[in-house]
Amino acid sequence: MKHYLILTLLCLTACRATYYAAWEKLGREKRDILRNRVVDARDEQKEASQQFKTALERMKEMYGFDGGKLEAAYNRFKGEYEDCESRATKVRSRIKDVETVAGDLFKEWEQELRDISDPTMRGDSRRKLDDARSKYAQLLTTMKRAETSMSPILTKFRDNVLYLKHNLNAQAIGALKGESVKIEGDITRLIADMNAAIAQAEAFIKTLN
């Protein structure tokens, strides 16, 4: 198992090296790739933020339902919840992409510092590397916080979807009318975390221009 993991890691590293080499031939360095990955992560967070708000609206509609086709309202909410799950997966994937490229960029930068013979140039490059790392650490912290904020909301959405799947009637709806109010506070905090991450991403992008 250990050998398999090592082999997998080596293959992934080799694949990334080939990927970077291909982009370098087109004049795109890791710095440019990182900028694009951060843009992608920022945009995915914007989409996720809107999706969670939409799911909350569908939930409110369902629990505010007074007669009529409960199943239709439930299916709309269930569909929006599933879209939230999909968006959350994409956000996590984008953040991992950012982490991968940032790690490779900083590792390369650190190694290349040793090849700068002029002490003034080397010192200046070192300061810029440290500054970039510091700003990136702030960015990653805010993105991770927003990512973490999604999990409890998804859990509550899923609980409601699964419970109502087998209890879809007026009595169950009446008993759970307060559910959307409970989740609304969590979503408000999520949106705040998402907005902070988006703002941090935009600030970081400017440092890479």
N, C-alpha and C. Protein backbone atom coordinates (compact mmCIF):
# COMPACT_ATOMS: atom_id res chain seq x y z
N MET A 1 0.83 -1.21 0.00
CA MET A 1 0.00 0.00 0.00
C MET A 1 0.87 1.26 0.00
N LYS A 2 1.92 1.24 0.83
CA LYS A 2 2.82 2.39 0.93
C LYS A 2 3.50 2.64 -0.40
N HIS A 3 3.96 1.56 -1.04
CA HIS A 3 4.63 1.69 -2.33
C HIS A 3 3.67 2.23 -3.39
N TYR A 4 2.43 1.79 -3.30
CA TYR A 4 1.41 2.25 -4.26
C TYR A 4 1.20 3.76 -4.13
N LEU A 5 1.12 4.23 -2.87
CA LEU A 5 0.92 5.66 -2.63
C LEU A 5 2.11 6.48 -3.14
N ILE A 6 3.31 5.97 -2.91
CA ILE A 6 4.51 6.66 -3.39
C ILE A 6 4.51 6.73 -4.91
N LEU A 7 4.16 5.61 -5.55
CA LEU A 7 4.11 5.57 -7.02
C LEU A 7 3.06 6.53 -7.55
N THR A 8 1.91 6.57 -6.89
CA THR A 8 0.84 7.49 -7.31
C THR A 8 1.30 8.93 -7.20
N LEU A 9 1.98 9.24 -6.09
CA LEU A 9 2.48 10.60 -5.88
C LEU A 9 3.49 10.98 -6.95
N LEU A 10 4.38 10.05 -7.27
CA LEU A 10 5.38 10.31 -8.31
C LEU A 10 4.73 10.54 -9.66
N CYS A 11 3.70 9.77 -9.96
CA CYS A 11 2.98 9.92 -11.24
C CYS A 11 2.28 11.27 -11.31
N LEU A 12 1.66 11.67 -10.19
CA LEU A 12 0.97 12.97 -10.16
C LEU A 12 1.96 14.11 -10.31
N THR A 13 3.11 13.97 -9.65
CA THR A 13 4.15 15.00 -9.75
C THR A 13 4.66 15.11 -11.17
N ALA A 14 4.87 13.97 -11.81
CA ALA A 14 5.35 13.95 -13.19
C ALA A 14 4.31 14.57 -14.13
N CYS A 15 3.04 14.27 -13.88
CA CYS A 15 1.96 14.83 -14.71
C CYS A 15 1.91 16.34 -14.58
N ARG A 16 2.08 16.83 -13.34
CA ARG A 16 2.07 18.28 -13.13
C ARG A 16 3.26 18.93 -13.81
N ALA A 17 4.41 18.28 -13.76
CA ALA A 17 5.61 18.83 -14.40
C ALA A 17 5.39 18.95 -15.90
N THR A 18 4.76 17.94 -16.48
CA THR A 18 4.47 17.97 -17.92
C THR A 18 3.47 19.09 -18.23
N TYR A 19 2.48 19.22 -17.37
CA TYR A 19 1.46 20.26 -17.53
C TYR A 19 2.09 21.65 -17.49
N TYR A 20 2.95 21.88 -16.48
CA TYR A 20 3.60 23.18 -16.36
C TYR A 20 4.52 23.44 -17.55
N ALA A 21 5.24 22.42 -17.98
CA ALA A 21 6.17 22.57 -19.11
C ALA A 21 5.41 22.98 -20.37
N ALA A 22 4.25 22.40 -20.58
CA ALA A 22 3.45 22.73 -21.76
C ALA A 22 3.02 24.18 -21.73
N TRP A 23 2.60 24.65 -20.55
CA TRP A 23 2.18 26.05 -20.43
C TRP A 23 3.36 27.01 -20.57
N GLU A 24 4.52 26.60 -20.05
CA GLU A 24 5.70 27.46 -20.15
C GLU A 24 6.09 27.70 -21.61
N LYS A 25 5.88 26.69 -22.45
CA LYS A 25 6.17 26.84 -23.88
C LYS A 25 5.25 27.89 -24.51
N LEU A 26 4.10 28.10 -23.88
CA LEU A 26 3.15 29.10 -24.37
C LEU A 26 3.31 30.44 -23.65
N GLY A 27 4.37 30.53 -22.84
CA GLY A 27 4.65 31.78 -22.14
C GLY A 27 3.88 31.97 -20.85
N ARG A 28 3.33 30.88 -20.29
CA ARG A 28 2.55 30.97 -19.05
C ARG A 28 3.32 30.29 -17.93
N GLU A 29 3.70 31.07 -16.92
CA GLU A 29 4.43 30.53 -15.78
C GLU A 29 3.45 30.08 -14.68
N LYS A 30 3.97 29.45 -13.64
CA LYS A 30 3.13 29.00 -12.52
C LYS A 30 2.37 30.17 -11.91
N ARG A 31 2.99 31.33 -11.89
CA ARG A 31 2.34 32.52 -11.34
C ARG A 31 1.05 32.82 -12.10
N ASP A 32 1.10 32.70 -13.44
CA ASP A 32 -0.09 32.94 -14.26
C ASP A 32 -1.15 31.87 -14.01
N ILE A 33 -0.70 30.63 -13.88
CA ILE A 33 -1.62 29.53 -13.63
C ILE A 33 -2.30 29.71 -12.27
N LEU A 34 -1.52 30.12 -11.26
CA LEU A 34 -2.08 30.34 -9.93
C LEU A 34 -3.14 31.44 -9.98
N ARG A 35 -2.85 32.50 -10.71
CA ARG A 35 -3.83 33.59 -10.83
C ARG A 35 -5.15 33.05 -11.39
N ASN A 36 -5.05 32.24 -12.44
CA ASN A 36 -6.25 31.68 -13.05
C ASN A 36 -7.00 30.75 -12.11
N ARG A 37 -6.24 29.97 -11.33
CA ARG A 37 -6.88 29.06 -10.38
C ARG A 37 -7.62 29.84 -9.28
N VAL A 38 -7.03 30.93 -8.84
CA VAL A 38 -7.68 31.76 -7.80
C VAL A 38 -8.94 32.40 -8.37
N VAL A 39 -8.87 32.85 -9.62
CA VAL A 39 -10.05 33.41 -10.28
C VAL A 39 -11.16 32.36 -10.35
N ASP A 40 -10.80 31.15 -10.72
CA ASP A 40 -11.78 30.06 -10.81
C ASP A 40 -12.41 29.78 -9.45
N ALA A 41 -11.58 29.76 -8.40
CA ALA A 41 -12.08 29.50 -7.05
C ALA A 41 -13.01 30.62 -6.61
N ARG A 42 -12.62 31.86 -6.90
CA ARG A 42 -13.47 33.01 -6.55
C ARG A 42 -14.83 32.91 -7.24
N ASP A 43 -14.82 32.62 -8.53
CA ASP A 43 -16.07 32.55 -9.29
C ASP A 43 -16.94 31.39 -8.81
N GLU A 44 -16.32 30.28 -8.45
CA GLU A 44 -17.08 29.12 -7.96
C GLU A 44 -17.73 29.45 -6.62
N GLN A 45 -17.04 30.22 -5.80
CA GLN A 45 -17.61 30.61 -4.51
C GLN A 45 -18.79 31.55 -4.71
N LYS A 46 -18.71 32.42 -5.69
CA LYS A 46 -19.84 33.30 -6.00
C LYS A 46 -21.06 32.49 -6.41
N GLU A 47 -20.83 31.50 -7.26
CA GLU A 47 -21.93 30.64 -7.71
C GLU A 47 -22.52 29.85 -6.54
N ALA A 48 -21.65 29.32 -5.69
CA ALA A 48 -22.12 28.54 -4.54
C ALA A 48 -22.93 29.41 -3.59
N SER A 49 -22.45 30.62 -3.37
CA SER A 49 -23.15 31.56 -2.49
C SER A 49 -24.58 31.78 -2.97
N GLN A 50 -24.75 32.00 -4.26
CA GLN A 50 -26.07 32.22 -4.83
C GLN A 50 -26.92 30.96 -4.74
N GLN A 51 -26.29 29.82 -4.95
CA GLN A 51 -27.03 28.54 -4.92
C GLN A 51 -27.59 28.26 -3.53
N PHE A 52 -26.82 28.52 -2.50
CA PHE A 52 -27.30 28.29 -1.14
C PHE A 52 -28.46 29.24 -0.82
N LYS A 53 -28.39 30.46 -1.30
CA LYS A 53 -29.49 31.40 -1.08
C LYS A 53 -30.76 30.92 -1.77
N THR A 54 -30.60 30.39 -2.98
CA THR A 54 -31.74 29.89 -3.73
C THR A 54 -32.37 28.68 -3.03
N ALA A 55 -31.52 27.79 -2.52
CA ALA A 55 -32.03 26.61 -1.81
C ALA A 55 -32.81 27.03 -0.57
N LEU A 56 -32.34 28.05 0.13
CA LEU A 56 -33.06 28.54 1.30
C LEU A 56 -34.43 29.08 0.90
N GLU A 57 -34.49 29.79 -0.21
CA GLU A 57 -35.78 30.31 -0.68
C GLU A 57 -36.75 29.18 -0.99
N ARG A 58 -36.25 28.11 -1.64
CA ARG A 58 -37.12 26.97 -1.94
C ARG A 58 -37.57 26.29 -0.65
N MET A 59 -36.70 26.27 0.35
CA MET A 59 -37.06 25.67 1.63
C MET A 59 -38.16 26.48 2.31
N LYS A 60 -38.01 27.80 2.25
CA LYS A 60 -39.03 28.68 2.84
C LYS A 60 -40.37 28.49 2.15
N GLU A 61 -40.31 28.38 0.84
CA GLU A 61 -41.55 28.17 0.08
C GLU A 61 -42.22 26.87 0.49
N MET A 62 -41.41 25.83 0.66
CA MET A 62 -41.96 24.53 1.02
C MET A 62 -42.61 24.56 2.40
N TYR A 63 -41.91 25.14 3.39
CA TYR A 63 -42.46 25.17 4.73
C TYR A 63 -43.54 26.24 4.92
N GLY A 64 -43.67 27.11 3.92
CA GLY A 64 -44.75 28.09 3.97
C GLY A 64 -45.95 27.64 3.16
N PHE A 65 -45.85 26.42 2.65
CA PHE A 65 -46.89 25.88 1.77
C PHE A 65 -48.19 25.68 2.53
N ASP A 66 -49.28 26.09 1.93
CA ASP A 66 -50.59 25.96 2.57
C ASP A 66 -51.53 25.27 1.58
N GLY A 67 -51.52 23.95 1.61
CA GLY A 67 -52.35 23.20 0.67
C GLY A 67 -51.67 23.08 -0.68
N GLY A 68 -52.34 22.46 -1.61
CA GLY A 68 -51.79 22.33 -2.95
C GLY A 68 -50.84 21.16 -3.07
N LYS A 69 -49.92 21.24 -4.01
CA LYS A 69 -49.03 20.12 -4.32
C LYS A 69 -47.74 20.20 -3.51
N LEU A 70 -47.76 19.55 -2.36
CA LEU A 70 -46.58 19.53 -1.50
C LEU A 70 -45.41 18.85 -2.20
N GLU A 71 -45.70 17.82 -2.96
CA GLU A 71 -44.64 17.07 -3.61
C GLU A 71 -43.84 17.93 -4.58
N ALA A 72 -44.53 18.80 -5.29
CA ALA A 72 -43.84 19.69 -6.25
C ALA A 72 -42.90 20.64 -5.51
N ALA A 73 -43.37 21.19 -4.39
CA ALA A 73 -42.55 22.11 -3.59
C ALA A 73 -41.34 21.36 -3.01
N TYR A 74 -41.58 20.14 -2.55
CA TYR A 74 -40.50 19.32 -2.00
C TYR A 74 -39.46 19.01 -3.07
N ASN A 75 -39.91 18.65 -4.25
CA ASN A 75 -38.98 18.31 -5.34
C ASN A 75 -38.13 19.51 -5.75
N ARG A 76 -38.72 20.71 -5.70
CA ARG A 76 -37.95 21.92 -6.03
C ARG A 76 -36.84 22.12 -4.99
N PHE A 77 -37.20 21.97 -3.72
CA PHE A 77 -36.21 22.12 -2.65
C PHE A 77 -35.14 21.05 -2.76
N LYS A 78 -35.54 19.81 -2.99
CA LYS A 78 -34.60 18.70 -3.11
C LYS A 78 -33.62 18.95 -4.26
N GLY A 79 -34.13 19.46 -5.38
CA GLY A 79 -33.27 19.76 -6.53
C GLY A 79 -32.25 20.83 -6.21
N GLU A 80 -32.68 21.86 -5.47
CA GLU A 80 -31.76 22.94 -5.11
C GLU A 80 -30.72 22.45 -4.10
N TYR A 81 -31.14 21.57 -3.19
CA TYR A 81 -30.18 20.99 -2.24
C TYR A 81 -29.12 20.19 -2.99
N GLU A 82 -29.54 19.40 -3.95
CA GLU A 82 -28.59 18.60 -4.74
C GLU A 82 -27.63 19.50 -5.51
N ASP A 83 -28.14 20.63 -5.99
CA ASP A 83 -27.27 21.60 -6.67
C ASP A 83 -26.26 22.21 -5.69
N CYS A 84 -26.68 22.40 -4.45
CA CYS A 84 -25.77 22.90 -3.42
C CYS A 84 -24.64 21.90 -3.17
N GLU A 85 -25.00 20.63 -3.12
CA GLU A 85 -23.98 19.57 -2.93
C GLU A 85 -22.97 19.62 -4.07
N SER A 86 -23.47 19.77 -5.28
CA SER A 86 -22.60 19.83 -6.45
C SER A 86 -21.69 21.05 -6.41
N ARG A 87 -22.26 22.19 -6.05
CA ARG A 87 -21.47 23.43 -5.96
C ARG A 87 -20.40 23.31 -4.88
N ALA A 88 -20.76 22.71 -3.75
CA ALA A 88 -19.80 22.56 -2.66
C ALA A 88 -18.63 21.69 -3.09
N THR A 89 -18.92 20.64 -3.85
CA THR A 89 -17.86 19.76 -4.36
C THR A 89 -16.93 20.54 -5.29
N LYS A 90 -17.50 21.38 -6.12
CA LYS A 90 -16.70 22.18 -7.05
C LYS A 90 -15.84 23.20 -6.31
N VAL A 91 -16.40 23.81 -5.26
CA VAL A 91 -15.64 24.77 -4.47
C VAL A 91 -14.43 24.08 -3.84
N ARG A 92 -14.66 22.91 -3.26
CA ARG A 92 -13.56 22.16 -2.62
C ARG A 92 -12.49 21.81 -3.65
N SER A 93 -12.93 21.42 -4.85
CA SER A 93 -11.99 21.05 -5.91
C SER A 93 -11.16 22.26 -6.35
N ARG A 94 -11.81 23.41 -6.48
CA ARG A 94 -11.10 24.63 -6.89
C ARG A 94 -10.06 25.03 -5.85
N ILE A 95 -10.43 24.90 -4.58
CA ILE A 95 -9.49 25.26 -3.52
C ILE A 95 -8.27 24.33 -3.54
N LYS A 96 -8.51 23.05 -3.77
CA LYS A 96 -7.40 22.09 -3.88
C LYS A 96 -6.50 22.45 -5.06
N ASP A 97 -7.11 22.88 -6.16
CA ASP A 97 -6.32 23.28 -7.33
C ASP A 97 -5.41 24.46 -6.98
N VAL A 98 -5.96 25.41 -6.24
CA VAL A 98 -5.17 26.57 -5.82
C VAL A 98 -4.01 26.12 -4.93
N GLU A 99 -4.31 25.25 -3.97
CA GLU A 99 -3.28 24.76 -3.05
C GLU A 99 -2.15 24.06 -3.80
N THR A 100 -2.51 23.26 -4.78
CA THR A 100 -1.50 22.51 -5.54
C THR A 100 -0.55 23.43 -6.28
N VAL A 101 -1.10 24.38 -7.03
CA VAL A 101 -0.26 25.27 -7.82
C VAL A 101 0.55 26.20 -6.91
N ALA A 102 -0.08 26.71 -5.86
CA ALA A 102 0.63 27.60 -4.93
C ALA A 102 1.82 26.86 -4.31
N GLY A 103 1.60 25.62 -3.89
CA GLY A 103 2.68 24.84 -3.30
C GLY A 103 3.83 24.63 -4.26
N ASP A 104 3.49 24.33 -5.52
CA ASP A 104 4.52 24.12 -6.55
C ASP A 104 5.25 25.43 -6.86
N LEU A 105 4.52 26.53 -6.92
CA LEU A 105 5.13 27.82 -7.21
C LEU A 105 6.11 28.22 -6.12
N PHE A 106 5.69 28.13 -4.85
CA PHE A 106 6.55 28.54 -3.75
C PHE A 106 7.77 27.63 -3.61
N LYS A 107 7.58 26.35 -3.90
CA LYS A 107 8.71 25.41 -3.85
C LYS A 107 9.74 25.78 -4.92
N GLU A 108 9.26 26.06 -6.13
CA GLU A 108 10.16 26.43 -7.22
C GLU A 108 10.87 27.75 -6.90
N TRP A 109 10.13 28.70 -6.39
CA TRP A 109 10.68 30.01 -6.04
C TRP A 109 11.78 29.86 -5.00
N GLU A 110 11.53 29.04 -3.99
CA GLU A 110 12.50 28.81 -2.92
C GLU A 110 13.78 28.19 -3.48
N GLN A 111 13.62 27.23 -4.37
CA GLN A 111 14.78 26.56 -4.96
C GLN A 111 15.59 27.52 -5.83
N GLU A 112 14.90 28.36 -6.58
CA GLU A 112 15.59 29.25 -7.50
C GLU A 112 16.28 30.42 -6.80
N LEU A 113 15.87 30.70 -5.58
CA LEU A 113 16.57 31.74 -4.81
C LEU A 113 18.05 31.39 -4.65
N ARG A 114 18.33 30.10 -4.52
CA ARG A 114 19.71 29.65 -4.31
C ARG A 114 20.58 29.90 -5.54
N ASP A 115 19.94 30.06 -6.69
CA ASP A 115 20.70 30.26 -7.93
C ASP A 115 20.98 31.73 -8.22
N ILE A 116 20.43 32.63 -7.39
CA ILE A 116 20.70 34.06 -7.57
C ILE A 116 21.98 34.41 -6.82
N SER A 117 23.03 34.73 -7.54
CA SER A 117 24.33 34.99 -6.90
C SER A 117 24.42 36.38 -6.28
N ASP A 118 23.70 37.35 -6.87
CA ASP A 118 23.75 38.71 -6.34
C ASP A 118 22.96 38.78 -5.03
N PRO A 119 23.59 39.14 -3.91
CA PRO A 119 22.90 39.14 -2.61
C PRO A 119 21.74 40.13 -2.53
N THR A 120 21.88 41.27 -3.22
CA THR A 120 20.80 42.27 -3.19
C THR A 120 19.57 41.72 -3.91
N MET A 121 19.77 41.14 -5.08
CA MET A 121 18.66 40.56 -5.83
C MET A 121 18.03 39.39 -5.07
N ARG A 122 18.91 38.57 -4.46
CA ARG A 122 18.41 37.41 -3.73
C ARG A 122 17.59 37.87 -2.52
N GLY A 123 18.06 38.90 -1.83
CA GLY A 123 17.33 39.41 -0.67
C GLY A 123 15.99 40.00 -1.06
N ASP A 124 15.96 40.72 -2.19
CA ASP A 124 14.71 41.31 -2.66
C ASP A 124 13.72 40.22 -3.05
N SER A 125 14.23 39.20 -3.74
CA SER A 125 13.36 38.10 -4.15
C SER A 125 12.84 37.35 -2.93
N ARG A 126 13.68 37.20 -1.90
CA ARG A 126 13.26 36.54 -0.66
C ARG A 126 12.13 37.31 0.01
N ARG A 127 12.23 38.63 0.06
CA ARG A 127 11.19 39.45 0.67
C ARG A 127 9.88 39.31 -0.10
N LYS A 128 9.98 39.28 -1.43
CA LYS A 128 8.77 39.15 -2.24
C LYS A 128 8.13 37.77 -2.06
N LEU A 129 8.96 36.75 -1.93
CA LEU A 129 8.45 35.41 -1.68
C LEU A 129 7.73 35.35 -0.34
N ASP A 130 8.35 35.90 0.69
CA ASP A 130 7.73 35.89 2.02
C ASP A 130 6.41 36.66 2.02
N ASP A 131 6.38 37.78 1.30
CA ASP A 131 5.16 38.58 1.22
C ASP A 131 4.06 37.81 0.49
N ALA A 132 4.44 37.15 -0.61
CA ALA A 132 3.47 36.37 -1.37
C ALA A 132 2.92 35.22 -0.53
N ARG A 133 3.79 34.57 0.22
CA ARG A 133 3.35 33.47 1.08
C ARG A 133 2.38 33.96 2.16
N SER A 134 2.69 35.11 2.73
CA SER A 134 1.85 35.67 3.78
C SER A 134 0.45 36.00 3.25
N LYS A 135 0.41 36.63 2.09
CA LYS A 135 -0.89 36.99 1.49
C LYS A 135 -1.66 35.75 1.07
N TYR A 136 -0.93 34.75 0.57
CA TYR A 136 -1.58 33.51 0.18
C TYR A 136 -2.16 32.80 1.40
N ALA A 137 -1.44 32.81 2.51
CA ALA A 137 -1.91 32.17 3.74
C ALA A 137 -3.23 32.80 4.19
N GLN A 138 -3.32 34.13 4.07
CA GLN A 138 -4.57 34.82 4.42
C GLN A 138 -5.70 34.39 3.50
N LEU A 139 -5.38 34.29 2.21
CA LEU A 139 -6.38 33.87 1.23
C LEU A 139 -6.88 32.46 1.54
N LEU A 140 -5.94 31.54 1.77
CA LEU A 140 -6.31 30.15 2.01
C LEU A 140 -7.16 30.02 3.28
N THR A 141 -6.83 30.79 4.30
CA THR A 141 -7.58 30.75 5.55
C THR A 141 -9.04 31.14 5.32
N THR A 142 -9.26 32.22 4.57
CA THR A 142 -10.63 32.68 4.34
C THR A 142 -11.39 31.71 3.43
N MET A 143 -10.71 31.14 2.44
CA MET A 143 -11.37 30.18 1.56
C MET A 143 -11.75 28.91 2.33
N LYS A 144 -10.86 28.45 3.19
CA LYS A 144 -11.13 27.25 3.98
C LYS A 144 -12.28 27.50 4.97
N ARG A 145 -12.32 28.70 5.52
CA ARG A 145 -13.40 29.02 6.45
C ARG A 145 -14.75 28.96 5.74
N ALA A 146 -14.80 29.53 4.53
CA ALA A 146 -16.04 29.49 3.75
C ALA A 146 -16.39 28.05 3.38
N GLU A 147 -15.37 27.28 3.02
CA GLU A 147 -15.61 25.88 2.66
C GLU A 147 -16.20 25.11 3.85
N THR A 148 -15.64 25.34 5.03
CA THR A 148 -16.11 24.67 6.24
C THR A 148 -17.55 25.07 6.59
N SER A 149 -17.90 26.32 6.30
CA SER A 149 -19.25 26.81 6.62
C SER A 149 -20.34 26.11 5.82
N MET A 150 -19.98 25.51 4.69
CA MET A 150 -20.98 24.84 3.87
C MET A 150 -21.46 23.53 4.48
N SER A 151 -20.57 22.83 5.16
CA SER A 151 -20.87 21.47 5.62
C SER A 151 -22.08 21.36 6.56
N PRO A 152 -22.17 22.19 7.63
CA PRO A 152 -23.33 22.05 8.52
C PRO A 152 -24.65 22.39 7.83
N ILE A 153 -24.62 23.32 6.88
CA ILE A 153 -25.84 23.67 6.15
C ILE A 153 -26.28 22.51 5.26
N LEU A 154 -25.32 21.91 4.58
CA LEU A 154 -25.64 20.76 3.72
C LEU A 154 -26.21 19.62 4.56
N THR A 155 -25.67 19.43 5.76
CA THR A 155 -26.17 18.38 6.64
C THR A 155 -27.62 18.65 7.02
N LYS A 156 -27.94 19.88 7.36
CA LYS A 156 -29.31 20.23 7.74
C LYS A 156 -30.26 20.12 6.54
N PHE A 157 -29.81 20.57 5.38
CA PHE A 157 -30.62 20.40 4.18
C PHE A 157 -30.91 18.92 3.93
N ARG A 158 -29.87 18.11 4.03
CA ARG A 158 -30.02 16.67 3.77
C ARG A 158 -30.97 16.03 4.79
N ASP A 159 -30.86 16.42 6.06
CA ASP A 159 -31.76 15.89 7.08
C ASP A 159 -33.22 16.17 6.73
N ASN A 160 -33.47 17.40 6.29
CA ASN A 160 -34.84 17.77 5.93
C ASN A 160 -35.34 17.02 4.70
N VAL A 161 -34.45 16.88 3.72
CA VAL A 161 -34.83 16.16 2.49
C VAL A 161 -35.15 14.70 2.81
N LEU A 162 -34.31 14.04 3.59
CA LEU A 162 -34.52 12.62 3.89
C LEU A 162 -35.72 12.40 4.80
N TYR A 163 -35.92 13.29 5.75
CA TYR A 163 -37.06 13.15 6.65
C TYR A 163 -38.37 13.30 5.88
N LEU A 164 -38.44 14.34 5.05
CA LEU A 164 -39.68 14.61 4.32
C LEU A 164 -39.93 13.60 3.20
N LYS A 165 -38.88 12.95 2.76
CA LYS A 165 -39.04 11.94 1.71
C LYS A 165 -40.05 10.88 2.15
N HIS A 166 -40.07 10.56 3.46
CA HIS A 166 -40.96 9.53 3.98
C HIS A 166 -42.07 10.10 4.85
N ASN A 167 -42.11 11.42 4.97
CA ASN A 167 -43.14 12.05 5.82
C ASN A 167 -43.69 13.30 5.14
N LEU A 168 -43.99 13.20 3.87
CA LEU A 168 -44.41 14.38 3.12
C LEU A 168 -45.92 14.58 3.26
N ASN A 169 -46.27 15.30 4.32
CA ASN A 169 -47.68 15.59 4.56
C ASN A 169 -47.80 16.91 5.31
N ALA A 170 -49.00 17.43 5.39
CA ALA A 170 -49.21 18.72 6.01
C ALA A 170 -48.78 18.75 7.47
N GLN A 171 -48.97 17.63 8.16
CA GLN A 171 -48.60 17.57 9.58
C GLN A 171 -47.08 17.71 9.76
N ALA A 172 -46.32 17.00 8.92
CA ALA A 172 -44.85 17.08 8.99
C ALA A 172 -44.37 18.48 8.63
N ILE A 173 -44.98 19.05 7.59
CA ILE A 173 -44.62 20.40 7.18
C ILE A 173 -44.88 21.39 8.31
N GLY A 174 -46.02 21.24 8.97
CA GLY A 174 -46.37 22.14 10.07
C GLY A 174 -45.40 22.03 11.23
N ALA A 175 -44.97 20.79 11.52
CA ALA A 175 -44.06 20.57 12.65
C ALA A 175 -42.66 21.12 12.39
N LEU A 176 -42.30 21.27 11.12
CA LEU A 176 -40.94 21.70 10.78
C LEU A 176 -40.89 23.12 10.21
N LYS A 177 -41.93 23.88 10.41
CA LYS A 177 -41.97 25.23 9.84
C LYS A 177 -40.80 26.11 10.27
N GLY A 178 -40.26 25.85 11.46
CA GLY A 178 -39.17 26.68 11.96
C GLY A 178 -37.80 26.31 11.43
N GLU A 179 -37.71 25.23 10.65
CA GLU A 179 -36.42 24.76 10.16
C GLU A 179 -35.69 25.80 9.31
N SER A 180 -36.42 26.45 8.41
CA SER A 180 -35.78 27.43 7.53
C SER A 180 -35.23 28.61 8.32
N VAL A 181 -35.89 28.96 9.41
CA VAL A 181 -35.42 30.07 10.25
C VAL A 181 -34.09 29.70 10.90
N LYS A 182 -33.98 28.43 11.36
CA LYS A 182 -32.75 27.97 11.98
C LYS A 182 -31.58 28.01 10.99
N ILE A 183 -31.85 27.57 9.79
CA ILE A 183 -30.79 27.48 8.78
C ILE A 183 -30.44 28.85 8.21
N GLU A 184 -31.37 29.77 8.25
CA GLU A 184 -31.13 31.09 7.67
C GLU A 184 -29.93 31.77 8.32
N GLY A 185 -29.80 31.62 9.63
CA GLY A 185 -28.66 32.22 10.32
C GLY A 185 -27.35 31.63 9.85
N ASP A 186 -27.34 30.30 9.65
CA ASP A 186 -26.13 29.63 9.15
C ASP A 186 -25.78 30.12 7.76
N ILE A 187 -26.79 30.30 6.93
CA ILE A 187 -26.54 30.75 5.56
C ILE A 187 -26.07 32.20 5.54
N THR A 188 -26.57 33.00 6.44
CA THR A 188 -26.11 34.39 6.55
C THR A 188 -24.62 34.42 6.87
N ARG A 189 -24.21 33.55 7.80
CA ARG A 189 -22.78 33.47 8.15
C ARG A 189 -21.97 32.92 6.97
N LEU A 190 -22.53 31.94 6.27
CA LEU A 190 -21.84 31.39 5.10
C LEU A 190 -21.62 32.46 4.05
N ILE A 191 -22.64 33.25 3.77
CA ILE A 191 -22.52 34.31 2.76
C ILE A 191 -21.44 35.30 3.18
N ALA A 192 -21.40 35.63 4.48
CA ALA A 192 -20.37 36.56 4.97
C ALA A 192 -18.98 35.96 4.78
N ASP A 193 -18.84 34.65 5.08
CA ASP A 193 -17.55 33.98 4.88
C ASP A 193 -17.18 33.92 3.41
N MET A 194 -18.17 33.65 2.56
CA MET A 194 -17.93 33.59 1.12
C MET A 194 -17.48 34.96 0.60
N ASN A 195 -18.17 36.01 1.04
CA ASN A 195 -17.83 37.36 0.59
C ASN A 195 -16.42 37.75 1.03
N ALA A 196 -16.05 37.34 2.25
CA ALA A 196 -14.70 37.63 2.74
C ALA A 196 -13.66 36.90 1.88
N ALA A 197 -13.97 35.65 1.53
CA ALA A 197 -13.04 34.86 0.70
C ALA A 197 -12.94 35.45 -0.70
N ILE A 198 -14.07 35.90 -1.23
CA ILE A 198 -14.08 36.50 -2.57
C ILE A 198 -13.26 37.79 -2.58
N ALA A 199 -13.44 38.61 -1.55
CA ALA A 199 -12.68 39.86 -1.45
C ALA A 199 -11.19 39.58 -1.30
N GLN A 200 -10.85 38.57 -0.50
CA GLN A 200 -9.45 38.21 -0.31
C GLN A 200 -8.85 37.68 -1.61
N ALA A 201 -9.64 36.93 -2.37
CA ALA A 201 -9.17 36.40 -3.65
C ALA A 201 -8.89 37.54 -4.63
N GLU A 202 -9.78 38.51 -4.66
CA GLU A 202 -9.60 39.64 -5.58
C GLU A 202 -8.36 40.45 -5.21
N ALA A 203 -8.11 40.59 -3.90
CA ALA A 203 -6.92 41.31 -3.46
C ALA A 203 -5.66 40.54 -3.84
N PHE A 204 -5.70 39.22 -3.68
CA PHE A 204 -4.55 38.39 -4.00
C PHE A 204 -4.27 38.40 -5.51
N ILE A 205 -5.33 38.36 -6.30
CA ILE A 205 -5.19 38.39 -7.76
C ILE A 205 -4.44 39.64 -8.20
N LYS A 206 -4.72 40.76 -7.56
CA LYS A 206 -4.06 42.02 -7.92
C LYS A 206 -2.55 41.94 -7.67
N THR A 207 -2.14 41.19 -6.64
CA THR A 207 -0.71 41.09 -6.36
C THR A 207 0.00 40.24 -7.41
N LEU A 208 -0.75 39.47 -8.19
CA LEU A 208 -0.14 38.61 -9.20
C LEU A 208 -0.17 39.24 -10.60
N ASN A 209 -0.78 40.39 -10.72
CA ASN A 209 -0.86 41.07 -12.02
C ASN A 209 0.48 41.73 -12.38
